[in-house]
Amino acid sequence: MSIKLEIKKPSVWSMEVRAPFRKVIGFDLLFLGLGAMIGAGIITAILLG
């Protein structure tokens, strides 16, 4: 009798992402600011255009 041992590689989805909380908040605020500026620019172009 032969016993087969299957070794599975951990998938990308099973790995846990660990990031510092301050870095996450920093990126969040950065992109929030960029989105607000882009949105203001679009609204200004629509109102003045």
Protein backbone atom coordinates (compact mmCIF):
# COMPACT_ATOMS: atom_id res chain seq x y z
CA MET A 1 0.00 0.00 0.00
CA SER A 2 1.30 3.39 -0.90
CA ILE A 3 0.23 6.53 0.86
CA LYS A 4 0.23 9.75 -1.10
CA LEU A 5 0.85 12.94 0.81
CA GLU A 6 -0.44 15.99 -0.92
CA ILE A 7 1.31 19.21 -0.07
CA LYS A 8 -0.74 22.19 -1.13
CA LYS A 9 0.79 25.57 -1.64
CA PRO A 10 -1.02 28.31 0.23
CA SER A 11 -3.00 30.36 -2.24
CA VAL A 12 -2.74 34.11 -2.55
CA TRP A 13 -6.21 34.49 -1.05
CA SER A 14 -5.40 32.51 2.10
CA MET A 15 -2.49 34.76 3.07
CA GLU A 16 -3.26 37.50 5.54
CA VAL A 17 -2.36 41.06 4.73
CA ARG A 18 -0.78 42.87 7.64
CA ALA A 19 -0.37 46.61 7.32
CA PRO A 20 0.22 49.29 9.94
CA PHE A 21 -2.97 51.15 10.80
CA ARG A 22 -1.39 54.59 10.33
CA LYS A 23 -0.24 53.73 6.82
CA VAL A 24 -3.73 52.53 5.88
CA ILE A 25 -5.30 55.73 7.23
CA GLY A 26 -2.64 57.81 5.46
CA PHE A 27 -3.40 56.24 2.08
CA ASP A 28 -7.12 56.56 2.74
CA LEU A 29 -6.82 60.28 3.45
CA LEU A 30 -4.50 60.80 0.48
CA PHE A 31 -6.93 59.25 -2.00
CA LEU A 32 -9.90 60.94 -0.32
CA GLY A 33 -8.20 64.30 -0.90
CA LEU A 34 -7.32 63.45 -4.49
CA GLY A 35 -10.90 62.35 -5.17
CA ALA A 36 -12.29 65.55 -3.65
CA MET A 37 -10.02 67.70 -5.84
CA ILE A 38 -10.88 65.77 -8.99
CA GLY A 39 -14.61 65.93 -8.15
CA ALA A 40 -14.41 69.66 -7.52
CA GLY A 41 -12.65 70.11 -10.86
CA ILE A 42 -15.30 68.14 -12.72
CA ILE A 43 -18.16 70.07 -11.07
CA THR A 44 -16.42 73.39 -11.82
CA ALA A 45 -15.97 72.37 -15.48
CA ILE A 46 -19.66 71.41 -15.71
CA LEU A 47 -20.90 74.62 -14.04
CA LEU A 48 -18.65 76.98 -15.99
CA GLY A 49 -18.71 75.05 -19.25
